[in-house]
Amino acid sequence: MLRATLCLAGLIWAMPVTASTSQTEPGAFGCKSMANAAQLLTLRQSTDPSDYETRLHKLMRAGECRVWTATEAVTIEDESDGLVCLAPTDARSRCYWSAPGSGRQLQP
């Protein structure tokens, strides 16, 4: 019985996890580092939107962050510390940390 339980647990652990496909919200951003994404989220919620816009444009020019288009399909690769890591579905080479809700689930 113990052997069967351990085998079942091993099979469940070895099952592949499928990433879900989503569409992004218009204007949603993603950053290569969690720290920059968290900083931008904090600035976006502040009372002065110019700080957010300035920082976002600076990070975009540096190649650290990007803004998703509304029609761009993304795959949710990971979730951690209140952020999600989104990767373009057509080129899943890098994921970008973003706010939860930036990648809306597609209906099957």
Protein backbone atom coordinates (compact mmCIF):
# COMPACT_ATOMS: atom_id res chain seq x y z
CA MET A 1 0.00 0.00 0.00
CA LEU A 2 2.81 2.40 0.88
CA ARG A 3 4.57 1.62 -2.41
CA ALA A 4 1.39 2.33 -4.39
CA THR A 5 0.89 5.63 -2.58
CA LEU A 6 4.50 6.69 -3.26
CA CYS A 7 4.19 5.70 -6.93
CA LEU A 8 0.97 7.69 -7.27
CA ALA A 9 2.56 10.72 -5.60
CA GLY A 10 5.55 10.44 -7.95
CA LEU A 11 3.30 10.27 -11.00
CA ILE A 12 1.33 13.32 -9.91
CA TRP A 13 4.56 15.25 -9.26
CA ALA A 14 5.97 14.30 -12.67
CA MET A 15 2.86 15.41 -14.61
CA PRO A 16 3.60 18.33 -16.91
CA VAL A 17 2.14 21.66 -15.91
CA THR A 18 0.51 23.45 -18.81
CA ALA A 19 0.78 27.20 -18.99
CA SER A 20 -2.45 29.04 -19.66
CA THR A 21 -2.87 31.38 -22.61
CA SER A 22 -4.18 34.90 -22.04
CA GLN A 23 -4.76 38.23 -23.70
CA THR A 24 -3.23 41.34 -22.15
CA GLU A 25 -5.06 44.44 -21.05
CA PRO A 26 -4.37 47.60 -23.06
CA GLY A 27 -1.45 49.51 -21.55
CA ALA A 28 -0.31 46.65 -19.31
CA PHE A 29 3.44 46.64 -18.77
CA GLY A 30 5.90 43.88 -18.04
CA CYS A 31 9.49 44.04 -16.74
CA LYS A 32 12.34 41.54 -16.78
CA SER A 33 12.94 42.04 -13.04
CA MET A 34 10.39 41.74 -10.26
CA ALA A 35 11.88 44.77 -8.50
CA ASN A 36 11.20 47.10 -11.43
CA ALA A 37 7.68 45.73 -11.87
CA ALA A 38 6.92 46.23 -8.17
CA GLN A 39 8.34 49.76 -8.26
CA LEU A 40 6.21 50.64 -11.29
CA LEU A 41 3.08 49.25 -9.61
CA THR A 42 3.75 51.42 -6.58
CA LEU A 43 4.30 54.50 -8.76
CA ARG A 44 1.16 53.78 -10.79
CA GLN A 45 -0.93 53.81 -7.61
CA SER A 46 0.58 57.11 -6.40
CA THR A 47 -1.24 60.40 -6.77
CA ASP A 48 1.20 61.81 -9.36
CA PRO A 49 1.06 59.77 -12.59
CA SER A 50 4.03 61.61 -14.12
CA ASP A 51 6.51 59.69 -11.91
CA TYR A 52 5.07 56.41 -13.21
CA GLU A 53 5.19 57.53 -16.86
CA THR A 54 8.76 58.87 -16.53
CA ARG A 55 10.06 55.68 -14.89
CA LEU A 56 8.23 53.40 -17.34
CA HIS A 57 9.62 55.24 -20.39
CA LYS A 58 13.13 55.18 -18.93
CA LEU A 59 12.92 51.42 -18.32
CA MET A 60 11.47 50.85 -21.79
CA ARG A 61 14.34 52.77 -23.41
CA ALA A 62 16.79 50.63 -21.42
CA GLY A 63 15.08 47.46 -22.69
CA GLU A 64 14.12 46.42 -19.17
CA CYS A 65 10.34 46.79 -19.58
CA ARG A 66 7.75 46.68 -22.34
CA VAL A 67 4.09 47.54 -22.83
CA TRP A 68 1.80 44.79 -24.11
CA THR A 69 -0.62 45.46 -26.95
CA ALA A 70 -4.28 44.62 -26.45
CA THR A 71 -4.23 41.91 -29.13
CA GLU A 72 -0.98 40.26 -28.03
CA ALA A 73 -1.45 36.71 -26.77
CA VAL A 74 0.67 35.83 -23.75
CA THR A 75 1.33 32.75 -21.66
CA ILE A 76 1.36 32.92 -17.88
CA GLU A 77 4.70 31.30 -17.03
CA ASP A 78 4.96 31.90 -13.28
CA GLU A 79 3.32 33.64 -10.31
CA SER A 80 5.18 34.99 -7.30
CA ASP A 81 4.91 37.75 -4.68
CA GLY A 82 1.69 39.15 -6.12
CA LEU A 83 3.09 39.35 -9.67
CA VAL A 84 2.67 37.17 -12.75
CA CYS A 85 5.33 36.44 -15.34
CA LEU A 86 3.94 36.74 -18.87
CA ALA A 87 5.66 35.55 -22.05
CA PRO A 88 4.59 36.24 -25.62
CA THR A 89 2.91 33.05 -26.88
CA ASP A 90 4.65 33.17 -30.25
CA ALA A 91 8.16 33.67 -28.78
CA ARG A 92 8.39 32.17 -25.30
CA SER A 93 12.05 33.01 -24.77
CA ARG A 94 11.64 35.49 -21.93
CA CYS A 95 8.90 36.28 -19.47
CA TYR A 96 8.11 39.72 -18.10
CA TRP A 97 6.82 40.35 -14.56
CA SER A 98 3.54 42.18 -14.53
CA ALA A 99 0.55 42.98 -12.35
CA PRO A 100 -2.02 40.23 -11.78
CA GLY A 101 -4.89 40.78 -14.16
CA SER A 102 -2.58 42.03 -16.92
CA GLY A 103 -3.01 38.66 -18.58
CA ARG A 104 -6.72 37.86 -18.80
CA GLN A 105 -7.60 34.18 -19.24
CA LEU A 106 -8.92 33.24 -22.66
CA GLN A 107 -12.19 31.36 -22.73
CA PRO A 108 -11.78 27.77 -24.02
